[in-house]
Amino acid sequence: MTTPARPPMPETLSPLERELLGYVELLMNTLSSGTAQFEALEKRSTDIIENRQAALEGSLKSLIASQATFMNAWLASGNHSSDTASTELAEALALLEQAEAMLEAVAPPT
């Protein structure tokens, strides 16, 4: 069984080998730095996407609740119960405004 050869010590390297080793070290440091920057960019992008997804989900829930409330108000208006219809219409409008605010909070700047 043979043991792998040990790399020569830097003091035993020729000037050309030391220069090459310096380039390899520079390449490794640059690669490490690039990897760290990529990971930071990936995390930031993922966070932005998750925040927008949560806002869209919340906005969609508000829109659905607004539609249901509006339908209840519309049905109540047929029963001539204007107080209930008026209250539910105001609630539907508030839910629509809430959905709009959620979407505006995550809209990319133009």
Protein backbone atom coordinates (compact mmCIF):
# COMPACT_ATOMS: atom_id res chain seq x y z
CA MET A 1 0.00 0.00 0.00
CA THR A 2 1.46 3.32 -1.04
CA THR A 3 0.93 6.53 0.82
CA PRO A 4 0.06 9.64 -1.13
CA ALA A 5 2.95 11.96 -1.74
CA ARG A 6 3.00 14.99 0.47
CA PRO A 7 3.01 18.32 -1.28
CA PRO A 8 6.37 20.04 -1.10
CA MET A 9 6.82 22.70 1.55
CA PRO A 10 6.61 26.28 0.25
CA GLU A 11 10.31 26.86 0.93
CA THR A 12 11.23 23.97 -1.40
CA LEU A 13 9.12 25.28 -4.28
CA SER A 14 10.59 26.99 -7.28
CA PRO A 15 9.63 30.64 -7.90
CA LEU A 16 7.25 29.54 -10.68
CA GLU A 17 5.59 26.98 -8.37
CA ARG A 18 5.23 29.62 -5.61
CA GLU A 19 3.62 31.99 -8.12
CA LEU A 20 1.26 29.25 -9.26
CA LEU A 21 0.42 28.44 -5.63
CA GLY A 22 -0.32 32.13 -5.05
CA TYR A 23 -2.74 32.11 -7.98
CA VAL A 24 -4.43 28.98 -6.65
CA GLU A 25 -4.83 30.62 -3.22
CA LEU A 26 -6.21 33.78 -4.85
CA LEU A 27 -8.66 31.69 -6.88
CA MET A 28 -9.82 29.81 -3.77
CA ASN A 29 -10.27 33.06 -1.79
CA THR A 30 -12.24 34.62 -4.65
CA LEU A 31 -14.39 31.51 -4.96
CA SER A 32 -15.09 31.53 -1.23
CA SER A 33 -16.01 35.22 -1.31
CA GLY A 34 -18.24 34.70 -4.36
CA THR A 35 -19.99 31.82 -2.65
CA ALA A 36 -20.71 33.94 0.43
CA GLN A 37 -22.08 36.75 -1.73
CA PHE A 38 -24.26 34.31 -3.67
CA GLU A 39 -25.65 32.81 -0.45
CA ALA A 40 -26.48 36.30 0.88
CA LEU A 41 -28.19 37.21 -2.39
CA GLU A 42 -30.13 33.94 -2.38
CA LYS A 43 -31.33 34.55 1.19
CA ARG A 44 -32.37 38.11 0.42
CA SER A 45 -34.26 37.01 -2.70
CA THR A 46 -35.94 34.17 -0.84
CA ASP A 47 -37.01 36.54 1.94
CA ILE A 48 -38.47 38.99 -0.59
CA ILE A 49 -40.38 36.20 -2.34
CA GLU A 50 -41.71 34.82 0.96
CA ASN A 51 -42.83 38.30 2.10
CA ARG A 52 -44.62 38.93 -1.19
CA GLN A 53 -46.22 35.50 -1.09
CA ALA A 54 -47.49 36.11 2.46
CA ALA A 55 -48.88 39.51 1.43
CA LEU A 56 -50.59 38.01 -1.60
CA GLU A 57 -52.08 35.28 0.56
CA GLY A 58 -53.36 37.82 3.09
CA SER A 59 -54.71 40.02 0.33
CA LEU A 60 -56.50 37.11 -1.30
CA LYS A 61 -58.09 36.14 2.03
CA SER A 62 -59.27 39.74 2.50
CA LEU A 63 -60.68 39.83 -1.03
CA ILE A 64 -62.57 36.57 -0.47
CA ALA A 65 -63.91 37.81 2.88
CA SER A 66 -64.90 41.10 1.25
CA GLN A 67 -66.75 39.29 -1.51
CA ALA A 68 -68.59 37.10 1.00
CA THR A 69 -69.50 40.12 3.10
CA PHE A 70 -70.67 42.01 0.03
CA MET A 71 -72.84 39.07 -0.98
CA ASN A 72 -74.38 38.99 2.50
CA ALA A 73 -75.08 42.72 2.26
CA TRP A 74 -76.60 42.28 -1.18
CA LEU A 75 -78.83 39.47 0.07
CA ALA A 76 -79.79 41.53 3.11
CA SER A 77 -80.72 44.46 0.89
CA GLY A 78 -83.42 42.28 -0.64
CA ASN A 79 -84.94 41.83 2.82
CA HIS A 80 -85.13 45.60 3.31
CA SER A 81 -82.83 45.39 6.29
CA SER A 82 -80.87 48.50 5.43
CA ASP A 83 -78.96 48.66 8.72
CA THR A 84 -77.46 45.20 8.18
CA ALA A 85 -76.76 45.86 4.52
CA SER A 86 -75.09 49.20 5.25
CA THR A 87 -72.90 47.68 7.98
CA GLU A 88 -71.87 44.76 5.80
CA LEU A 89 -71.12 47.03 2.84
CA ALA A 90 -68.87 49.14 5.08
CA GLU A 91 -67.15 45.97 6.29
CA ALA A 92 -66.71 44.76 2.68
CA LEU A 93 -65.14 48.09 1.75
CA ALA A 94 -62.81 47.92 4.76
CA LEU A 95 -61.69 44.43 3.72
CA LEU A 96 -61.04 45.65 0.17
CA GLU A 97 -58.96 48.52 1.51
CA GLN A 98 -57.04 46.08 3.72
CA ALA A 99 -56.29 43.89 0.69
CA GLU A 100 -55.15 46.94 -1.27
CA ALA A 101 -52.82 48.02 1.55
CA MET A 102 -51.26 44.54 1.70
CA LEU A 103 -50.59 44.57 -2.03
CA GLU A 104 -49.18 48.10 -1.97
CA ALA A 105 -46.83 47.17 0.88
CA VAL A 106 -45.03 44.58 -1.27
CA ALA A 107 -45.40 46.13 -4.70
CA PRO A 108 -42.01 46.61 -6.31
CA PRO A 109 -41.07 50.27 -6.73
CA THR A 110 -41.74 51.68 -10.18
